[in-house]
Amino acid sequence: MINYTINNDGTIERKNLGCASSVNPTANIIKQAPVLVLIFREKNDNWIVGDNLSIGACVENMCLRATDLGIGFLWIRDTVYVADEVARMLGHKDMELNCALALGYASQSPKQRSRKELKDIVQWYNE
């Protein structure tokens, strides 16, 4: 596994290079976001799947509501690389950082990407 460290200036340093990474661009977004929501879960092996599904549904609803309010967001999973360090820094050693959600007014509004028609990606079978 690639190892990361958070430097005093907020940059993230990779211990093992070798593949492209979105960690530093994500760190820049985190530093610029006016609101950062960190989503933790209790460390409990019995509920990993259920907790992750619930967290995903909750974050998705937060993103949908942000869109309704005209607020930009980024659902961040790159926190996985620094989860233990962030939990320790915040005094939550018994918790696991699942993901983060950066919120703010978007500085860009790119055009929506073109999408394939449903008929081009779904094949219906009749029994």
C-alpha atoms as a PDB file:
ATOM      1  CA  MET A   1       0.000   0.000   0.000  1.00  0.00           C
ATOM      2  CA  ILE A   2       1.174   3.508  -0.739  1.00  0.00           C
ATOM      3  CA  ASN A   3       1.972   5.518   2.365  1.00  0.00           C
ATOM      4  CA  TYR A   4       1.131   9.228   2.754  1.00  0.00           C
ATOM      5  CA  THR A   5       2.057  11.874   5.310  1.00  0.00           C
ATOM      6  CA  ILE A   6       0.474  15.255   5.932  1.00  0.00           C
ATOM      7  CA  ASN A   7       3.174  17.945   6.090  1.00  0.00           C
ATOM      8  CA  ASN A   8       2.928  21.061   8.286  1.00  0.00           C
ATOM      9  CA  ASP A   9       2.093  23.207   5.255  1.00  0.00           C
ATOM     10  CA  GLY A  10      -0.908  20.969   4.414  1.00  0.00           C
ATOM     11  CA  THR A  11       0.684  19.207   1.468  1.00  0.00           C
ATOM     12  CA  ILE A  12       0.527  15.451   1.277  1.00  0.00           C
ATOM     13  CA  GLU A  13       3.718  13.547   0.596  1.00  0.00           C
ATOM     14  CA  ARG A  14       3.717  10.119  -1.030  1.00  0.00           C
ATOM     15  CA  LYS A  15       6.188   7.639   0.417  1.00  0.00           C
ATOM     16  CA  ASN A  16       5.987   5.305  -2.583  1.00  0.00           C
ATOM     17  CA  LEU A  17       5.692   6.871  -6.028  1.00  0.00           C
ATOM     18  CA  GLY A  18       4.876   4.881  -9.115  1.00  0.00           C
ATOM     19  CA  CYS A  19       1.345   5.656 -10.222  1.00  0.00           C
ATOM     20  CA  ALA A  20      -0.738   8.734 -10.907  1.00  0.00           C
ATOM     21  CA  SER A  21      -2.596  10.025  -7.889  1.00  0.00           C
ATOM     22  CA  SER A  22      -5.462  12.382  -7.187  1.00  0.00           C
ATOM     23  CA  VAL A  23      -4.342  12.950  -3.592  1.00  0.00           C
ATOM     24  CA  ASN A  24      -2.576  16.321  -4.023  1.00  0.00           C
ATOM     25  CA  PRO A  25      -5.313  17.879  -6.227  1.00  0.00           C
ATOM     26  CA  THR A  26      -7.845  16.668  -3.656  1.00  0.00           C
ATOM     27  CA  ALA A  27      -5.765  18.192  -0.835  1.00  0.00           C
ATOM     28  CA  ASN A  28      -5.856  21.529  -2.677  1.00  0.00           C
ATOM     29  CA  ILE A  29      -9.648  21.359  -2.928  1.00  0.00           C
ATOM     30  CA  ILE A  30      -9.878  20.525   0.766  1.00  0.00           C
ATOM     31  CA  LYS A  31      -7.721  23.549   1.662  1.00  0.00           C
ATOM     32  CA  GLN A  32      -9.886  25.872  -0.462  1.00  0.00           C
ATOM     33  CA  ALA A  33     -13.309  24.566   0.576  1.00  0.00           C
ATOM     34  CA  PRO A  34     -15.153  26.813   3.025  1.00  0.00           C
ATOM     35  CA  VAL A  35     -16.823  23.751   4.579  1.00  0.00           C
ATOM     36  CA  LEU A  36     -15.350  20.288   5.000  1.00  0.00           C
ATOM     37  CA  VAL A  37     -17.483  17.538   6.506  1.00  0.00           C
ATOM     38  CA  LEU A  38     -15.485  14.545   7.752  1.00  0.00           C
ATOM     39  CA  ILE A  39     -17.521  11.349   7.976  1.00  0.00           C
ATOM     40  CA  PHE A  40     -16.326   8.869  10.586  1.00  0.00           C
ATOM     41  CA  ARG A  41     -17.630   5.446  11.547  1.00  0.00           C
ATOM     42  CA  GLU A  42     -16.983   3.345  14.597  1.00  0.00           C
ATOM     43  CA  LYS A  43     -14.306   0.702  14.126  1.00  0.00           C
ATOM     44  CA  ASN A  44     -16.445  -2.409  14.293  1.00  0.00           C
ATOM     45  CA  ASP A  45     -15.868  -5.322  11.934  1.00  0.00           C
ATOM     46  CA  ASN A  46     -19.465  -6.530  12.326  1.00  0.00           C
ATOM     47  CA  TRP A  47     -21.040  -3.520  10.605  1.00  0.00           C
ATOM     48  CA  ILE A  48     -18.563  -2.508   7.863  1.00  0.00           C
ATOM     49  CA  VAL A  49     -20.840  -3.237   4.884  1.00  0.00           C
ATOM     50  CA  GLY A  50     -23.997  -1.865   6.490  1.00  0.00           C
ATOM     51  CA  ASP A  51     -22.236   1.240   7.778  1.00  0.00           C
ATOM     52  CA  ASN A  52     -20.617   1.950   4.421  1.00  0.00           C
ATOM     53  CA  LEU A  53     -23.934   1.563   2.574  1.00  0.00           C
ATOM     54  CA  SER A  54     -25.650   3.872   5.065  1.00  0.00           C
ATOM     55  CA  ILE A  55     -22.850   6.431   4.860  1.00  0.00           C
ATOM     56  CA  GLY A  56     -22.956   6.344   1.064  1.00  0.00           C
ATOM     57  CA  ALA A  57     -26.721   6.916   1.024  1.00  0.00           C
ATOM     58  CA  CYS A  58     -26.406   9.768   3.532  1.00  0.00           C
ATOM     59  CA  VAL A  59     -23.593  11.499   1.622  1.00  0.00           C
ATOM     60  CA  GLU A  60     -25.488  11.100  -1.647  1.00  0.00           C
ATOM     61  CA  ASN A  61     -28.530  12.789  -0.077  1.00  0.00           C
ATOM     62  CA  MET A  62     -26.294  15.607   1.180  1.00  0.00           C
ATOM     63  CA  CYS A  63     -24.913  16.045  -2.362  1.00  0.00           C
ATOM     64  CA  LEU A  64     -28.406  16.097  -3.875  1.00  0.00           C
ATOM     65  CA  ARG A  65     -29.524  18.733  -1.359  1.00  0.00           C
ATOM     66  CA  ALA A  66     -26.392  20.804  -1.993  1.00  0.00           C
ATOM     67  CA  THR A  67     -27.219  20.724  -5.715  1.00  0.00           C
ATOM     68  CA  ASP A  68     -30.770  21.910  -4.966  1.00  0.00           C
ATOM     69  CA  LEU A  69     -29.292  24.839  -3.011  1.00  0.00           C
ATOM     70  CA  GLY A  70     -26.797  25.730  -5.752  1.00  0.00           C
ATOM     71  CA  ILE A  71     -23.836  24.642  -3.627  1.00  0.00           C
ATOM     72  CA  GLY A  72     -20.911  22.825  -5.186  1.00  0.00           C
ATOM     73  CA  PHE A  73     -19.533  19.683  -3.590  1.00  0.00           C
ATOM     74  CA  LEU A  74     -16.851  17.072  -3.908  1.00  0.00           C
ATOM     75  CA  TRP A  75     -17.322  13.639  -2.357  1.00  0.00           C
ATOM     76  CA  ILE A  76     -13.785  12.714  -1.305  1.00  0.00           C
ATOM     77  CA  ARG A  77     -12.566   9.157  -0.892  1.00  0.00           C
ATOM     78  CA  ASP A  78      -8.844   9.986  -1.004  1.00  0.00           C
ATOM     79  CA  THR A  79      -9.091  10.371   2.766  1.00  0.00           C
ATOM     80  CA  VAL A  80      -8.456   6.616   2.893  1.00  0.00           C
ATOM     81  CA  TYR A  81      -4.738   7.312   2.494  1.00  0.00           C
ATOM     82  CA  VAL A  82      -4.526   9.518   5.586  1.00  0.00           C
ATOM     83  CA  ALA A  83      -7.499   8.196   7.588  1.00  0.00           C
ATOM     84  CA  ASP A  84      -5.553   6.993  10.622  1.00  0.00           C
ATOM     85  CA  GLU A  85      -3.460  10.149  10.791  1.00  0.00           C
ATOM     86  CA  VAL A  86      -6.520  12.451  10.547  1.00  0.00           C
ATOM     87  CA  ALA A  87      -8.381  10.437  13.201  1.00  0.00           C
ATOM     88  CA  ARG A  88      -5.374  10.731  15.533  1.00  0.00           C
ATOM     89  CA  MET A  89      -4.992  14.468  14.827  1.00  0.00           C
ATOM     90  CA  LEU A  90      -8.647  15.037  15.757  1.00  0.00           C
ATOM     91  CA  GLY A  91      -8.576  12.773  18.812  1.00  0.00           C
ATOM     92  CA  HIS A  92     -10.814  10.071  17.311  1.00  0.00           C
ATOM     93  CA  LYS A  93      -8.469   7.068  17.568  1.00  0.00           C
ATOM     94  CA  ASP A  94     -11.452   4.739  18.066  1.00  0.00           C
ATOM     95  CA  MET A  95     -13.119   5.964  14.858  1.00  0.00           C
ATOM     96  CA  GLU A  96     -12.374   5.352  11.184  1.00  0.00           C
ATOM     97  CA  LEU A  97     -12.481   8.200   8.664  1.00  0.00           C
ATOM     98  CA  ASN A  98     -14.728   6.915   5.886  1.00  0.00           C
ATOM     99  CA  CYS A  99     -14.782   9.897   3.519  1.00  0.00           C
ATOM    100  CA  ALA A 100     -15.158  13.648   3.406  1.00  0.00           C
ATOM    101  CA  LEU A 101     -17.446  16.105   1.690  1.00  0.00           C
ATOM    102  CA  ALA A 102     -16.124  19.506   0.590  1.00  0.00           C
ATOM    103  CA  LEU A 103     -18.856  22.121   0.177  1.00  0.00           C
ATOM    104  CA  GLY A 104     -18.789  25.609  -1.283  1.00  0.00           C
ATOM    105  CA  TYR A 105     -19.855  27.710  -4.204  1.00  0.00           C
ATOM    106  CA  ALA A 106     -18.238  26.329  -7.341  1.00  0.00           C
ATOM    107  CA  SER A 107     -15.639  28.468  -9.099  1.00  0.00           C
ATOM    108  CA  GLN A 108     -16.492  26.724 -12.372  1.00  0.00           C
ATOM    109  CA  SER A 109     -19.622  25.368 -13.991  1.00  0.00           C
ATOM    110  CA  PRO A 110     -18.519  23.077 -16.793  1.00  0.00           C
ATOM    111  CA  LYS A 111     -20.983  21.802 -19.361  1.00  0.00           C
ATOM    112  CA  GLN A 112     -22.528  18.452 -18.601  1.00  0.00           C
ATOM    113  CA  ARG A 113     -20.719  15.631 -20.336  1.00  0.00           C
ATOM    114  CA  SER A 114     -22.555  13.957 -23.156  1.00  0.00           C
ATOM    115  CA  ARG A 115     -24.358  10.817 -22.148  1.00  0.00           C
ATOM    116  CA  LYS A 116     -25.324   7.747 -24.088  1.00  0.00           C
ATOM    117  CA  GLU A 117     -28.991   7.116 -24.646  1.00  0.00           C
ATOM    118  CA  LEU A 118     -30.534   4.494 -22.356  1.00  0.00           C
ATOM    119  CA  LYS A 119     -31.338   2.333 -25.385  1.00  0.00           C
ATOM    120  CA  ASP A 120     -27.606   2.254 -26.223  1.00  0.00           C
ATOM    121  CA  ILE A 121     -26.500   0.878 -22.851  1.00  0.00           C
ATOM    122  CA  VAL A 122     -29.394  -1.306 -21.687  1.00  0.00           C
ATOM    123  CA  GLN A 123     -30.550  -4.506 -23.276  1.00  0.00           C
ATOM    124  CA  TRP A 124     -33.946  -5.814 -22.203  1.00  0.00           C
ATOM    125  CA  TYR A 125     -34.692  -9.529 -22.271  1.00  0.00           C
ATOM    126  CA  ASN A 126     -38.182 -10.984 -22.350  1.00  0.00           C
ATOM    127  CA  GLU A 127     -38.656 -14.394 -20.829  1.00  0.00           C
END
